[in-house]
N, C-alpha and C. Protein backbone atom coordinates (compact mmCIF):
# COMPACT_ATOMS: atom_id res chain seq x y z
N UNK A 1 15.08 14.36 -96.44
CA UNK A 1 16.03 14.18 -95.48
C UNK A 1 15.34 14.03 -94.15
N UNK A 2 15.77 13.12 -93.40
CA UNK A 2 15.16 12.84 -91.80
C UNK A 2 15.87 13.81 -91.09
N UNK A 3 15.15 14.47 -90.05
CA UNK A 3 15.86 15.06 -88.99
C UNK A 3 15.80 14.28 -87.76
N UNK A 4 16.87 14.39 -87.10
CA UNK A 4 17.02 13.89 -85.80
C UNK A 4 17.44 15.03 -84.70
N UNK A 5 16.91 14.91 -83.39
CA UNK A 5 17.21 15.93 -82.43
C UNK A 5 18.92 15.85 -82.18
N UNK A 6 19.54 15.03 -82.48
CA UNK A 6 21.02 14.98 -82.03
C UNK A 6 21.76 15.53 -83.06
N UNK A 7 21.14 15.81 -84.23
CA UNK A 7 21.78 16.74 -85.39
C UNK A 7 22.10 18.02 -84.78
N UNK A 8 21.31 18.55 -83.92
CA UNK A 8 21.52 19.89 -83.32
C UNK A 8 22.92 19.87 -82.56
N UNK A 9 22.93 18.78 -81.84
CA UNK A 9 24.25 18.88 -81.10
C UNK A 9 25.38 18.43 -82.08
N UNK A 10 25.27 17.66 -82.98
CA UNK A 10 26.41 17.62 -83.84
C UNK A 10 26.75 18.83 -84.56
N UNK A 11 25.84 19.62 -85.01
CA UNK A 11 26.08 20.93 -85.72
C UNK A 11 26.81 21.95 -84.53
N UNK A 12 26.35 21.84 -83.43
CA UNK A 12 26.96 22.74 -82.37
C UNK A 12 28.33 22.45 -82.24
N UNK A 13 28.71 21.00 -82.18
CA UNK A 13 29.99 20.40 -81.86
C UNK A 13 30.89 20.40 -83.03
N UNK A 14 30.47 20.48 -84.23
CA UNK A 14 31.22 20.48 -85.41
C UNK A 14 30.88 21.71 -86.34
N UNK A 15 31.27 22.86 -86.15
CA UNK A 15 31.09 24.11 -86.88
C UNK A 15 31.12 23.83 -88.43
N UNK A 16 30.36 24.35 -89.24
CA UNK A 16 30.38 24.32 -90.61
C UNK A 16 29.63 22.98 -91.19
N UNK A 17 29.19 22.09 -90.23
CA UNK A 17 28.53 20.91 -90.77
C UNK A 17 27.03 21.31 -90.90
N UNK A 18 26.36 21.27 -91.92
CA UNK A 18 25.09 22.01 -92.19
C UNK A 18 23.98 20.85 -92.29
N UNK A 19 24.32 19.85 -93.22
CA UNK A 19 23.31 18.86 -93.26
C UNK A 19 23.89 17.62 -93.35
N UNK A 20 23.17 16.56 -93.07
CA UNK A 20 23.49 15.23 -93.02
C UNK A 20 22.40 14.42 -93.73
N UNK A 21 22.84 13.22 -94.27
CA UNK A 21 21.90 12.21 -94.88
C UNK A 21 22.33 11.05 -94.03
N UNK A 22 21.60 10.91 -92.83
CA UNK A 22 22.10 9.80 -91.75
C UNK A 22 21.66 8.42 -92.22
N UNK A 23 22.42 7.46 -91.90
CA UNK A 23 22.17 6.24 -91.82
C UNK A 23 21.95 5.78 -90.35
N UNK A 24 20.69 5.69 -90.06
CA UNK A 24 20.30 5.29 -88.62
C UNK A 24 20.30 3.84 -88.59
N UNK A 25 20.96 3.39 -87.31
CA UNK A 25 20.89 1.90 -87.14
C UNK A 25 20.99 1.59 -85.57
N UNK A 26 20.36 0.66 -85.25
CA UNK A 26 20.46 0.43 -83.64
C UNK A 26 21.86 -0.08 -83.42
N UNK A 27 22.10 0.09 -82.00
CA UNK A 27 23.47 -0.36 -81.60
C UNK A 27 23.53 -1.70 -81.71
N UNK A 28 24.75 -2.34 -81.82
CA UNK A 28 24.77 -3.76 -82.01
C UNK A 28 24.33 -4.55 -81.00
N UNK A 29 24.52 -3.98 -79.70
CA UNK A 29 23.89 -4.86 -78.64
C UNK A 29 22.26 -4.73 -78.37
N UNK A 30 21.74 -3.95 -79.33
CA UNK A 30 20.13 -3.95 -79.46
C UNK A 30 19.70 -4.49 -80.53
N UNK A 31 20.51 -5.29 -81.21
CA UNK A 31 19.95 -5.95 -82.41
C UNK A 31 19.07 -7.05 -82.09
N UNK A 32 18.13 -7.36 -82.94
CA UNK A 32 16.97 -8.30 -82.99
C UNK A 32 17.66 -9.74 -83.31
N UNK A 33 16.87 -10.83 -83.10
CA UNK A 33 17.19 -12.00 -83.68
C UNK A 33 17.63 -12.08 -85.15
N UNK A 34 18.78 -12.74 -85.57
CA UNK A 34 19.05 -12.90 -87.04
C UNK A 34 18.08 -13.50 -87.66
N UNK A 35 17.93 -13.04 -89.07
CA UNK A 35 17.26 -13.77 -89.91
C UNK A 35 17.92 -14.72 -90.76
N UNK A 36 17.35 -15.65 -91.41
CA UNK A 36 18.25 -16.67 -92.39
C UNK A 36 19.09 -15.84 -93.33
N UNK A 37 20.27 -16.30 -93.33
CA UNK A 37 21.38 -15.60 -94.14
C UNK A 37 21.86 -14.37 -93.60
N UNK A 38 21.67 -13.99 -92.44
CA UNK A 38 22.21 -12.83 -91.77
C UNK A 38 23.25 -13.36 -90.89
N UNK A 39 24.10 -12.37 -90.35
CA UNK A 39 25.01 -12.61 -89.34
C UNK A 39 24.35 -12.67 -87.89
N UNK A 40 24.95 -13.37 -86.97
CA UNK A 40 24.55 -13.42 -85.59
C UNK A 40 24.86 -12.09 -85.01
N UNK A 41 24.22 -11.82 -83.75
CA UNK A 41 24.46 -10.58 -83.14
C UNK A 41 25.78 -10.55 -82.74
N UNK A 42 26.47 -11.65 -82.53
CA UNK A 42 27.97 -11.60 -81.94
C UNK A 42 28.76 -11.19 -83.24
N UNK A 43 28.70 -11.74 -84.43
CA UNK A 43 29.43 -11.64 -85.48
C UNK A 43 29.35 -10.08 -85.92
N UNK A 44 27.90 -9.49 -85.87
CA UNK A 44 27.67 -8.17 -86.25
C UNK A 44 28.47 -7.25 -85.35
N UNK A 45 28.51 -7.66 -83.94
CA UNK A 45 29.06 -6.78 -82.88
C UNK A 45 30.66 -6.81 -83.43
N UNK A 46 31.20 -7.93 -83.76
CA UNK A 46 32.66 -7.93 -83.95
C UNK A 46 32.96 -7.09 -85.28
N UNK A 47 32.12 -7.02 -86.18
CA UNK A 47 32.14 -6.14 -87.43
C UNK A 47 31.76 -4.63 -87.03
N UNK A 48 31.30 -4.40 -86.05
CA UNK A 48 30.88 -2.97 -85.70
C UNK A 48 32.01 -2.23 -85.19
N UNK A 49 32.48 -1.17 -86.00
CA UNK A 49 33.78 -0.56 -85.54
C UNK A 49 33.51 0.31 -84.20
N UNK A 50 32.26 0.73 -84.08
CA UNK A 50 31.93 1.38 -82.98
C UNK A 50 31.97 0.62 -81.57
N UNK A 51 31.39 -0.64 -81.60
CA UNK A 51 31.40 -1.46 -80.61
C UNK A 51 32.83 -2.02 -80.23
N UNK A 52 33.67 -2.01 -81.31
CA UNK A 52 35.11 -2.39 -81.21
C UNK A 52 35.68 -1.22 -80.35
N UNK A 53 35.43 0.09 -80.81
CA UNK A 53 36.10 1.24 -80.23
C UNK A 53 35.81 1.36 -78.75
N UNK A 54 34.35 1.02 -78.46
CA UNK A 54 33.90 1.21 -77.05
C UNK A 54 34.62 0.12 -76.20
N UNK A 55 34.74 -1.22 -76.69
CA UNK A 55 35.34 -2.20 -76.00
C UNK A 55 37.01 -1.93 -75.65
N UNK A 56 37.46 -1.43 -76.73
CA UNK A 56 38.89 -1.14 -76.71
C UNK A 56 39.17 0.08 -75.71
N UNK A 57 38.19 1.10 -75.65
CA UNK A 57 38.26 2.35 -74.80
C UNK A 57 38.28 1.72 -73.42
N UNK A 58 37.30 1.15 -73.09
CA UNK A 58 37.01 0.60 -71.55
C UNK A 58 38.19 -0.36 -71.18
N UNK A 59 38.62 -1.23 -72.00
CA UNK A 59 39.67 -1.94 -71.69
C UNK A 59 40.95 -1.28 -71.56
N UNK A 60 41.30 -0.24 -72.43
CA UNK A 60 42.51 0.52 -72.26
C UNK A 60 42.43 1.22 -70.74
N UNK A 61 41.27 1.74 -70.58
CA UNK A 61 41.11 2.64 -69.11
C UNK A 61 41.29 1.64 -68.05
N UNK A 62 40.60 0.46 -68.05
CA UNK A 62 40.74 -0.52 -67.05
C UNK A 62 42.12 -0.92 -66.64
N UNK A 63 42.93 -1.17 -67.96
CA UNK A 63 44.32 -1.69 -67.89
C UNK A 63 45.36 -0.63 -67.70
N UNK A 64 44.87 0.71 -67.66
CA UNK A 64 45.79 1.82 -67.38
C UNK A 64 46.79 1.90 -68.56
N UNK A 65 46.24 1.63 -69.72
CA UNK A 65 47.10 1.70 -70.98
C UNK A 65 46.94 3.12 -71.44
N UNK A 66 47.59 4.04 -70.95
CA UNK A 66 47.29 5.56 -71.07
C UNK A 66 47.49 5.93 -72.48
N UNK A 67 48.81 5.69 -73.19
CA UNK A 67 49.16 6.00 -74.60
C UNK A 67 48.01 5.38 -75.50
N UNK A 68 47.69 4.18 -75.36
CA UNK A 68 46.73 3.50 -76.09
C UNK A 68 45.23 4.32 -76.09
N UNK A 69 44.85 4.60 -74.80
CA UNK A 69 43.68 5.21 -74.57
C UNK A 69 43.72 6.68 -75.41
N UNK A 70 44.90 7.44 -75.27
CA UNK A 70 44.96 8.84 -75.78
C UNK A 70 44.90 8.71 -77.30
N UNK A 71 45.53 7.71 -77.96
CA UNK A 71 45.57 7.61 -79.32
C UNK A 71 44.20 7.20 -79.99
N UNK A 72 43.24 7.01 -79.14
CA UNK A 72 41.83 6.90 -79.64
C UNK A 72 41.23 8.09 -79.88
N UNK A 73 41.79 9.22 -79.35
CA UNK A 73 41.26 10.57 -79.70
C UNK A 73 42.11 11.20 -80.89
N UNK A 74 41.06 12.01 -81.58
CA UNK A 74 41.85 12.91 -82.69
C UNK A 74 42.65 13.96 -82.14
N UNK A 75 43.72 14.37 -82.81
CA UNK A 75 44.53 15.41 -82.20
C UNK A 75 43.86 16.59 -81.76
N UNK A 76 42.71 17.02 -82.44
CA UNK A 76 41.89 18.34 -81.92
C UNK A 76 40.64 17.78 -81.27
N UNK A 77 40.65 16.75 -80.68
CA UNK A 77 39.41 16.21 -79.86
C UNK A 77 39.05 17.19 -78.63
N UNK A 78 37.97 17.09 -78.20
CA UNK A 78 37.35 17.74 -77.03
C UNK A 78 36.66 16.67 -76.12
N UNK A 79 37.00 16.99 -74.90
CA UNK A 79 36.22 16.00 -73.88
C UNK A 79 35.55 16.95 -72.86
N UNK A 80 34.30 16.83 -72.86
CA UNK A 80 33.32 17.70 -71.92
C UNK A 80 33.04 16.92 -70.64
N UNK A 81 33.51 17.38 -69.70
CA UNK A 81 33.33 16.69 -68.31
C UNK A 81 32.10 17.03 -67.81
N UNK A 82 31.57 16.09 -67.01
CA UNK A 82 30.25 16.16 -66.38
C UNK A 82 29.92 17.41 -65.69
N UNK A 83 30.79 18.18 -65.21
CA UNK A 83 30.56 19.49 -64.63
C UNK A 83 30.82 20.60 -65.40
N UNK A 84 31.12 20.27 -66.75
CA UNK A 84 31.03 21.38 -67.66
C UNK A 84 32.36 21.89 -68.20
N UNK A 85 33.59 21.43 -67.53
CA UNK A 85 34.84 21.83 -68.09
C UNK A 85 35.03 21.14 -69.41
N UNK A 86 35.77 22.04 -70.29
CA UNK A 86 36.07 21.49 -71.71
C UNK A 86 37.59 21.39 -71.60
N UNK A 87 37.98 20.06 -72.15
CA UNK A 87 39.33 19.67 -72.02
C UNK A 87 39.59 19.35 -73.64
N UNK A 88 40.59 20.38 -74.02
CA UNK A 88 40.73 20.45 -75.60
C UNK A 88 42.13 19.95 -76.12
N UNK A 89 42.23 18.96 -77.09
CA UNK A 89 43.35 18.40 -77.58
C UNK A 89 43.86 17.22 -77.04
N UNK A 90 44.56 16.30 -77.73
CA UNK A 90 44.96 14.92 -77.39
C UNK A 90 45.84 15.05 -76.01
N UNK A 91 46.87 15.91 -76.12
CA UNK A 91 47.76 15.97 -74.78
C UNK A 91 46.84 16.36 -73.55
N UNK A 92 46.00 17.12 -73.62
CA UNK A 92 45.09 17.62 -72.54
C UNK A 92 44.37 16.59 -72.03
N UNK A 93 43.66 15.72 -72.92
CA UNK A 93 42.90 14.60 -72.64
C UNK A 93 43.68 13.52 -72.09
N UNK A 94 44.88 13.35 -72.60
CA UNK A 94 45.79 12.32 -71.98
C UNK A 94 46.15 12.52 -70.65
N UNK A 95 46.41 13.87 -70.21
CA UNK A 95 46.63 14.33 -68.83
C UNK A 95 45.44 13.98 -67.93
N UNK A 96 44.20 14.42 -68.50
CA UNK A 96 42.98 14.03 -67.78
C UNK A 96 42.90 12.59 -67.39
N UNK A 97 43.04 11.77 -68.46
CA UNK A 97 43.03 10.34 -68.19
C UNK A 97 44.13 9.81 -67.28
N UNK A 98 45.22 10.40 -67.29
CA UNK A 98 46.44 9.97 -66.55
C UNK A 98 45.89 10.23 -65.01
N UNK A 99 45.46 11.47 -64.75
CA UNK A 99 44.89 11.68 -63.34
C UNK A 99 43.91 10.71 -62.94
N UNK A 100 42.93 10.46 -63.72
CA UNK A 100 41.88 9.54 -63.35
C UNK A 100 42.54 8.04 -63.12
N UNK A 101 43.44 7.65 -64.02
CA UNK A 101 44.05 6.39 -63.73
C UNK A 101 44.97 6.32 -62.39
N UNK A 102 45.58 7.50 -62.27
CA UNK A 102 46.36 7.47 -60.98
C UNK A 102 45.56 7.34 -59.65
N UNK A 103 44.36 7.76 -59.76
CA UNK A 103 43.38 7.73 -58.76
C UNK A 103 42.50 6.60 -58.56
N UNK A 104 42.02 6.07 -59.73
CA UNK A 104 41.01 5.04 -59.69
C UNK A 104 41.49 3.85 -60.70
N UNK A 105 40.89 2.78 -60.47
CA UNK A 105 40.88 1.70 -61.53
C UNK A 105 39.36 1.56 -61.76
N UNK A 106 39.09 1.68 -63.11
CA UNK A 106 37.73 1.65 -63.73
C UNK A 106 37.36 0.33 -64.34
N UNK A 107 36.07 0.03 -63.92
CA UNK A 107 35.45 -1.17 -64.53
C UNK A 107 34.06 -0.54 -65.12
N UNK A 108 34.13 -0.23 -66.49
CA UNK A 108 33.12 0.37 -67.08
C UNK A 108 32.49 -0.47 -68.27
N UNK A 109 31.20 -0.29 -68.23
CA UNK A 109 30.42 -1.18 -69.19
C UNK A 109 29.42 -0.16 -70.04
N UNK A 110 29.55 -0.05 -71.33
CA UNK A 110 28.79 0.60 -72.08
C UNK A 110 27.45 0.05 -72.55
N UNK A 111 26.53 0.73 -72.73
CA UNK A 111 25.29 0.09 -73.40
C UNK A 111 24.92 1.05 -74.38
N UNK A 112 25.27 0.82 -75.61
CA UNK A 112 25.00 1.76 -76.75
C UNK A 112 23.57 1.57 -77.12
N UNK A 113 22.89 2.74 -77.34
CA UNK A 113 21.69 2.93 -77.66
C UNK A 113 21.35 3.16 -79.05
N UNK A 114 22.07 4.20 -79.67
CA UNK A 114 22.02 4.51 -81.12
C UNK A 114 23.42 4.89 -81.59
N UNK A 115 23.54 4.47 -82.80
CA UNK A 115 24.70 4.92 -83.35
C UNK A 115 24.20 5.39 -84.84
N UNK A 116 24.71 6.57 -85.23
CA UNK A 116 24.44 7.00 -86.73
C UNK A 116 25.63 7.40 -87.32
N UNK A 117 25.67 7.38 -88.65
CA UNK A 117 26.90 7.63 -89.43
C UNK A 117 26.37 8.29 -90.72
N UNK A 118 27.21 9.30 -91.17
CA UNK A 118 27.25 9.87 -92.44
C UNK A 118 28.66 10.22 -92.87
N UNK A 119 29.00 9.44 -94.01
CA UNK A 119 30.37 9.73 -94.44
C UNK A 119 31.41 9.28 -93.53
N UNK A 120 32.25 10.46 -93.16
CA UNK A 120 33.41 10.22 -92.15
C UNK A 120 33.08 10.69 -90.90
N UNK A 121 31.83 11.15 -90.45
CA UNK A 121 31.39 11.50 -89.27
C UNK A 121 30.26 10.44 -88.67
N UNK A 122 30.50 10.15 -87.37
CA UNK A 122 29.30 9.35 -86.79
C UNK A 122 29.21 9.70 -85.30
N UNK A 123 28.06 9.22 -84.58
CA UNK A 123 28.10 9.34 -83.28
C UNK A 123 27.55 8.15 -82.65
N UNK A 124 27.98 7.91 -81.29
CA UNK A 124 27.47 6.84 -80.54
C UNK A 124 26.78 7.28 -79.19
N UNK A 125 25.74 6.94 -78.80
CA UNK A 125 25.19 7.49 -77.68
C UNK A 125 24.59 6.27 -76.94
N UNK A 126 24.58 6.41 -75.55
CA UNK A 126 23.87 5.37 -74.83
C UNK A 126 24.31 5.66 -73.25
N UNK A 127 24.15 4.55 -72.47
CA UNK A 127 24.30 4.64 -71.00
C UNK A 127 25.51 3.93 -70.76
N UNK A 128 26.05 4.15 -69.43
CA UNK A 128 27.17 3.27 -68.95
C UNK A 128 26.98 3.12 -67.43
N UNK A 129 27.57 2.05 -66.97
CA UNK A 129 27.72 1.69 -65.60
C UNK A 129 29.08 1.64 -65.26
N UNK A 130 29.67 2.08 -64.07
CA UNK A 130 31.00 1.98 -63.76
C UNK A 130 31.16 1.82 -62.40
N UNK A 131 32.20 0.85 -62.03
CA UNK A 131 32.66 0.69 -60.71
C UNK A 131 34.20 1.25 -60.75
N UNK A 132 34.36 2.33 -59.78
CA UNK A 132 35.71 2.91 -59.53
C UNK A 132 36.14 2.37 -58.19
N UNK A 133 37.40 1.92 -58.38
CA UNK A 133 38.10 1.34 -57.05
C UNK A 133 39.24 2.36 -56.86
N UNK A 134 39.17 2.90 -55.73
CA UNK A 134 40.18 3.89 -55.34
C UNK A 134 41.54 3.16 -55.26
N UNK A 135 42.47 3.70 -55.64
CA UNK A 135 43.86 3.08 -55.81
C UNK A 135 44.54 3.15 -54.29
N UNK A 136 44.15 4.13 -53.58
CA UNK A 136 44.53 4.56 -52.29
C UNK A 136 44.19 3.53 -51.26
N UNK A 137 42.93 3.14 -51.33
CA UNK A 137 42.31 2.30 -50.18
C UNK A 137 41.44 1.12 -50.61
N UNK A 138 41.19 0.98 -51.86
CA UNK A 138 40.43 -0.08 -52.47
C UNK A 138 38.90 0.24 -52.28
N UNK A 139 38.58 1.42 -51.78
CA UNK A 139 37.09 1.64 -51.58
C UNK A 139 36.39 1.71 -53.24
N UNK A 140 35.28 1.16 -52.98
CA UNK A 140 34.63 1.07 -54.35
C UNK A 140 33.40 2.11 -54.49
N UNK A 141 33.34 2.66 -55.62
CA UNK A 141 32.04 3.56 -55.89
C UNK A 141 31.37 3.25 -57.04
N UNK A 142 30.08 3.23 -57.02
CA UNK A 142 29.37 2.74 -58.18
C UNK A 142 28.90 3.98 -58.80
N UNK A 143 28.86 4.01 -60.20
CA UNK A 143 28.29 5.20 -60.90
C UNK A 143 27.59 4.64 -62.21
N UNK A 144 26.83 5.71 -62.65
CA UNK A 144 25.94 5.39 -63.92
C UNK A 144 25.60 6.72 -64.55
N UNK A 145 25.30 6.70 -65.82
CA UNK A 145 25.01 7.94 -66.46
C UNK A 145 24.93 7.70 -67.99
N UNK A 146 25.15 8.75 -68.78
CA UNK A 146 24.86 8.57 -70.25
C UNK A 146 26.29 9.21 -70.85
N UNK A 147 26.43 8.88 -72.11
CA UNK A 147 27.52 9.22 -72.94
C UNK A 147 27.24 9.55 -74.28
N UNK A 148 27.95 10.50 -75.02
CA UNK A 148 27.83 10.68 -76.26
C UNK A 148 29.38 10.88 -76.89
N UNK A 149 29.66 10.08 -77.87
CA UNK A 149 30.89 10.14 -78.65
C UNK A 149 30.65 10.54 -80.00
N UNK A 150 31.33 11.56 -80.58
CA UNK A 150 31.25 12.12 -81.87
C UNK A 150 32.63 11.53 -82.42
N UNK A 151 32.51 10.76 -83.63
CA UNK A 151 33.63 10.20 -84.27
C UNK A 151 33.96 10.66 -85.52
N UNK A 152 35.05 10.72 -85.96
CA UNK A 152 35.67 10.82 -87.35
C UNK A 152 36.50 9.84 -87.74
N UNK A 153 36.06 9.22 -89.17
CA UNK A 153 36.83 8.24 -89.73
C UNK A 153 38.15 9.01 -90.56
N UNK A 154 39.29 8.55 -90.14
CA UNK A 154 40.45 9.15 -90.75
C UNK A 154 40.78 8.53 -92.15
N UNK A 155 41.66 9.00 -92.77
CA UNK A 155 41.88 8.54 -94.23
C UNK A 155 42.38 7.20 -94.25
N UNK A 156 42.99 6.68 -93.16
CA UNK A 156 43.41 5.35 -93.08
C UNK A 156 42.20 4.24 -92.69
N UNK A 157 41.11 4.84 -92.44
CA UNK A 157 39.93 4.08 -92.26
C UNK A 157 39.71 3.81 -90.59
N UNK A 158 40.45 4.21 -89.92
CA UNK A 158 40.40 4.09 -88.35
C UNK A 158 39.45 5.28 -87.86
N UNK A 159 38.54 4.88 -86.84
CA UNK A 159 37.57 5.91 -86.31
C UNK A 159 38.33 6.44 -85.10
N UNK A 160 38.30 7.75 -84.87
CA UNK A 160 38.84 8.42 -83.78
C UNK A 160 37.73 9.18 -83.16
N UNK A 161 37.86 9.37 -81.71
CA UNK A 161 36.97 10.16 -81.02
C UNK A 161 37.29 11.75 -81.19
N UNK A 162 36.25 12.43 -81.73
CA UNK A 162 36.28 13.86 -81.95
C UNK A 162 35.95 14.65 -80.84
N UNK A 163 34.76 14.21 -80.28
CA UNK A 163 34.25 14.71 -79.10
C UNK A 163 33.60 13.77 -78.17
N UNK A 164 33.57 13.96 -76.83
CA UNK A 164 33.16 13.00 -75.97
C UNK A 164 32.45 13.90 -74.81
N UNK A 165 31.32 13.36 -74.43
CA UNK A 165 30.69 13.98 -73.26
C UNK A 165 30.01 12.93 -72.44
N UNK A 166 30.18 13.13 -71.09
CA UNK A 166 29.64 12.13 -70.19
C UNK A 166 28.66 12.95 -69.18
N UNK A 167 27.48 12.31 -68.69
CA UNK A 167 26.64 12.79 -67.63
C UNK A 167 26.79 11.85 -66.52
N UNK A 168 26.68 12.17 -65.34
CA UNK A 168 26.32 11.34 -64.26
C UNK A 168 25.05 11.32 -63.74
N UNK A 169 24.38 10.24 -63.68
CA UNK A 169 23.09 10.16 -63.16
C UNK A 169 23.13 10.28 -61.61
N UNK A 170 22.28 11.16 -61.17
CA UNK A 170 21.92 11.42 -59.77
C UNK A 170 21.36 10.16 -59.03
N UNK A 171 21.76 9.87 -57.81
CA UNK A 171 21.15 8.76 -57.21
C UNK A 171 19.53 9.14 -56.98
N UNK A 172 18.70 8.10 -57.12
CA UNK A 172 17.31 8.28 -56.86
C UNK A 172 17.22 8.68 -55.55
N UNK A 173 16.20 9.61 -55.13
CA UNK A 173 15.95 10.06 -53.84
C UNK A 173 15.30 8.92 -53.09
N UNK A 174 15.73 8.70 -51.85
CA UNK A 174 15.23 7.59 -51.05
C UNK A 174 13.98 8.24 -50.27
N UNK A 175 12.91 7.28 -50.30
CA UNK A 175 11.72 7.96 -49.47
C UNK A 175 11.50 7.19 -48.23
């Protein structure tokens, strides 16, 4: 069994999960040129359920489709905010997203670095860039940071977000 540092995080987030036989793969947008007989990066990305979830998540946030966004979370999901607050359960996460949507319009781009899966559990980790436009006055704020989504495949085959955490990168000090 291979060991990965992120397994420590998974074990902390998912009590009772002791061991994994991980299938490591680079994120779809990090794929190399296709070899003869393989799918193109674009078709691999279309087949990648995690790339699809990321795209749907950012599109729903941007379009302010609150219920669609909330339904991407498991009923028992947790959202860990950058400042450390834990938001537990789909209704509480929905309320958090509503407050964000009422305040800003988000234009967010994910850059997935690694996705790993074992059975019905997976995680996706990478960087993001976001432009927030204030609904009140149109002022724009640029942000960037890292993210981690822990996902669970439901019995119907759909992947839902079980845990999500964001960090905000501090601006580089000016010299």
